[in-house]
Amino acid sequence: MADRINFSKKINDSVQAGDNLYYSDISTGAPSTPTLVGEITQIGEKHVIVDALVTSLVAGDTFFMFRKPVEENVSSLKGYYAESTFTNNSTIKQELFAVGSEITVSSK
């Protein structure tokens, strides 16, 4: 069963179908532990549709957040080259401890 949740402001551009929607009650001034509402199935400009029935959310005292599935959003820099520039504006000696990279052949 799906339910629609309306918001007064535009939805974050990073929200996608498949993300999990959570809420936290902030009526006491301190947020409660986030509670899973459900998986987001559709997104509008000021609403989302989740795959669960929403019954006890108080819009004025509720903070919503979303979480992306870790399995689907693991990525690194993609392309044929990367160029980096490191600058130091300090007037005293500074030391760069480490710079790392991961290189994988993605096409031939």
C-alpha atoms as a PDB file:
ATOM      1  CA  MET A   1       0.000   0.000   0.000  1.00  0.00           C
ATOM      2  CA  ALA A   2       1.453   3.388  -0.985  1.00  0.00           C
ATOM      3  CA  ASP A   3       0.998   6.796   0.583  1.00  0.00           C
ATOM      4  CA  ARG A   4       1.801  10.350  -0.504  1.00  0.00           C
ATOM      5  CA  ILE A   5       3.654  12.798   1.757  1.00  0.00           C
ATOM      6  CA  ASN A   6       3.403  16.487   0.828  1.00  0.00           C
ATOM      7  CA  PHE A   7       6.008  19.100   1.737  1.00  0.00           C
ATOM      8  CA  SER A   8       5.841  22.885   1.751  1.00  0.00           C
ATOM      9  CA  LYS A   9       9.228  23.217   0.025  1.00  0.00           C
ATOM     10  CA  LYS A  10      10.888  21.660  -3.009  1.00  0.00           C
ATOM     11  CA  ILE A  11      12.280  18.135  -2.533  1.00  0.00           C
ATOM     12  CA  ASN A  12      16.087  17.771  -2.329  1.00  0.00           C
ATOM     13  CA  ASP A  13      17.520  17.170  -5.824  1.00  0.00           C
ATOM     14  CA  SER A  14      19.494  14.141  -4.563  1.00  0.00           C
ATOM     15  CA  VAL A  15      16.363  12.154  -3.650  1.00  0.00           C
ATOM     16  CA  GLN A  16      15.692   9.260  -6.046  1.00  0.00           C
ATOM     17  CA  ALA A  17      13.197   6.445  -6.299  1.00  0.00           C
ATOM     18  CA  GLY A  18      14.604   3.558  -4.267  1.00  0.00           C
ATOM     19  CA  ASP A  19      15.898   5.764  -1.420  1.00  0.00           C
ATOM     20  CA  ASN A  20      14.546   5.110   2.080  1.00  0.00           C
ATOM     21  CA  LEU A  21      12.561   7.884   3.791  1.00  0.00           C
ATOM     22  CA  TYR A  22      12.944   8.369   7.554  1.00  0.00           C
ATOM     23  CA  TYR A  23      11.361  10.791  10.001  1.00  0.00           C
ATOM     24  CA  SER A  24      12.146  12.080  13.457  1.00  0.00           C
ATOM     25  CA  ASP A  25       9.791  13.766  15.936  1.00  0.00           C
ATOM     26  CA  ILE A  26      11.218  17.159  16.943  1.00  0.00           C
ATOM     27  CA  SER A  27       8.305  18.406  19.078  1.00  0.00           C
ATOM     28  CA  THR A  28      10.384  18.125  22.276  1.00  0.00           C
ATOM     29  CA  GLY A  29      13.205  20.239  20.855  1.00  0.00           C
ATOM     30  CA  ALA A  30      15.580  17.279  20.521  1.00  0.00           C
ATOM     31  CA  PRO A  31      15.148  14.877  17.608  1.00  0.00           C
ATOM     32  CA  SER A  32      14.013  11.340  18.336  1.00  0.00           C
ATOM     33  CA  THR A  33      15.658   8.270  16.831  1.00  0.00           C
ATOM     34  CA  PRO A  34      14.902   8.211  13.087  1.00  0.00           C
ATOM     35  CA  THR A  35      12.078   5.867  12.110  1.00  0.00           C
ATOM     36  CA  LEU A  36      11.794   4.264   8.681  1.00  0.00           C
ATOM     37  CA  VAL A  37       8.705   5.406   6.778  1.00  0.00           C
ATOM     38  CA  GLY A  38       9.335   3.282   3.692  1.00  0.00           C
ATOM     39  CA  GLU A  39      10.992   3.167   0.301  1.00  0.00           C
ATOM     40  CA  ILE A  40      10.404   6.142  -1.987  1.00  0.00           C
ATOM     41  CA  THR A  41       8.715   4.970  -5.185  1.00  0.00           C
ATOM     42  CA  GLN A  42       7.892   8.308  -6.860  1.00  0.00           C
ATOM     43  CA  ILE A  43       9.043  11.899  -6.488  1.00  0.00           C
ATOM     44  CA  GLY A  44       7.248  15.125  -7.326  1.00  0.00           C
ATOM     45  CA  GLU A  45       8.456  18.681  -6.894  1.00  0.00           C
ATOM     46  CA  LYS A  46       6.929  18.969  -3.401  1.00  0.00           C
ATOM     47  CA  HIS A  47       5.873  15.397  -2.582  1.00  0.00           C
ATOM     48  CA  VAL A  48       7.085  11.813  -2.402  1.00  0.00           C
ATOM     49  CA  ILE A  49       5.185   8.560  -2.604  1.00  0.00           C
ATOM     50  CA  VAL A  50       6.373   5.785  -0.301  1.00  0.00           C
ATOM     51  CA  ASP A  51       5.551   2.088  -0.373  1.00  0.00           C
ATOM     52  CA  ALA A  52       3.975   2.178   3.102  1.00  0.00           C
ATOM     53  CA  LEU A  53       0.851   3.565   4.758  1.00  0.00           C
ATOM     54  CA  VAL A  54       1.662   6.730   6.715  1.00  0.00           C
ATOM     55  CA  THR A  55      -0.671   7.290   9.644  1.00  0.00           C
ATOM     56  CA  SER A  56       0.930   9.060  12.599  1.00  0.00           C
ATOM     57  CA  LEU A  57       3.139  11.811  11.179  1.00  0.00           C
ATOM     58  CA  VAL A  58       2.595  15.363  12.442  1.00  0.00           C
ATOM     59  CA  ALA A  59       3.864  17.654   9.683  1.00  0.00           C
ATOM     60  CA  GLY A  60       4.778  20.625  11.912  1.00  0.00           C
ATOM     61  CA  ASP A  61       6.818  18.570  14.378  1.00  0.00           C
ATOM     62  CA  THR A  62       8.397  16.073  12.008  1.00  0.00           C
ATOM     63  CA  PHE A  63      11.832  16.196  10.402  1.00  0.00           C
ATOM     64  CA  PHE A  64      12.237  14.057   7.286  1.00  0.00           C
ATOM     65  CA  MET A  65      15.499  12.649   5.940  1.00  0.00           C
ATOM     66  CA  PHE A  66      16.461  10.125   3.294  1.00  0.00           C
ATOM     67  CA  ARG A  67      19.096   7.442   2.926  1.00  0.00           C
ATOM     68  CA  LYS A  68      20.449   6.020  -0.286  1.00  0.00           C
ATOM     69  CA  PRO A  69      20.950   2.257  -0.660  1.00  0.00           C
ATOM     70  CA  VAL A  70      24.674   1.624  -0.117  1.00  0.00           C
ATOM     71  CA  GLU A  71      24.823  -1.256  -2.596  1.00  0.00           C
ATOM     72  CA  GLU A  72      23.628   0.895  -5.505  1.00  0.00           C
ATOM     73  CA  ASN A  73      25.565   4.089  -4.824  1.00  0.00           C
ATOM     74  CA  VAL A  74      29.141   2.891  -4.460  1.00  0.00           C
ATOM     75  CA  SER A  75      31.201   4.701  -7.030  1.00  0.00           C
ATOM     76  CA  SER A  76      34.463   6.427  -7.696  1.00  0.00           C
ATOM     77  CA  LEU A  77      35.783   8.949 -10.207  1.00  0.00           C
ATOM     78  CA  LYS A  78      35.106   7.736 -13.729  1.00  0.00           C
ATOM     79  CA  GLY A  79      36.820   8.886 -16.862  1.00  0.00           C
ATOM     80  CA  TYR A  80      40.095   8.644 -18.738  1.00  0.00           C
ATOM     81  CA  TYR A  81      42.194  10.999 -16.642  1.00  0.00           C
ATOM     82  CA  ALA A  82      42.109  13.169 -13.562  1.00  0.00           C
ATOM     83  CA  GLU A  83      44.180  16.202 -12.781  1.00  0.00           C
ATOM     84  CA  SER A  84      44.730  17.616  -9.283  1.00  0.00           C
ATOM     85  CA  THR A  85      46.445  20.704  -7.983  1.00  0.00           C
ATOM     86  CA  PHE A  86      47.459  21.104  -4.354  1.00  0.00           C
ATOM     87  CA  THR A  87      48.246  24.593  -3.091  1.00  0.00           C
ATOM     88  CA  ASN A  88      49.438  25.857   0.252  1.00  0.00           C
ATOM     89  CA  ASN A  89      48.962  29.477   1.272  1.00  0.00           C
ATOM     90  CA  SER A  90      50.577  29.074   4.657  1.00  0.00           C
ATOM     91  CA  THR A  91      53.679  31.114   5.490  1.00  0.00           C
ATOM     92  CA  ILE A  92      55.124  28.279   7.563  1.00  0.00           C
ATOM     93  CA  LYS A  93      56.310  24.859   6.443  1.00  0.00           C
ATOM     94  CA  GLN A  94      53.482  22.359   5.872  1.00  0.00           C
ATOM     95  CA  GLU A  95      53.667  18.674   5.041  1.00  0.00           C
ATOM     96  CA  LEU A  96      51.286  16.598   2.939  1.00  0.00           C
ATOM     97  CA  PHE A  97      50.962  13.223   4.624  1.00  0.00           C
ATOM     98  CA  ALA A  98      49.402  11.143   1.840  1.00  0.00           C
ATOM     99  CA  VAL A  99      47.546  11.252  -1.452  1.00  0.00           C
ATOM    100  CA  GLY A 100      45.842   8.125  -2.702  1.00  0.00           C
ATOM    101  CA  SER A 101      44.018   6.964  -5.782  1.00  0.00           C
ATOM    102  CA  GLU A 102      42.260   3.901  -7.127  1.00  0.00           C
ATOM    103  CA  ILE A 103      42.718   3.050 -10.780  1.00  0.00           C
ATOM    104  CA  THR A 104      40.674   0.441 -12.640  1.00  0.00           C
ATOM    105  CA  VAL A 105      40.680  -0.227 -16.356  1.00  0.00           C
ATOM    106  CA  SER A 106      37.110   0.440 -17.462  1.00  0.00           C
ATOM    107  CA  SER A 107      37.400   0.271 -21.232  1.00  0.00           C
ATOM    108  CA  LYS A 108      39.844  -0.841 -23.919  1.00  0.00           C
END
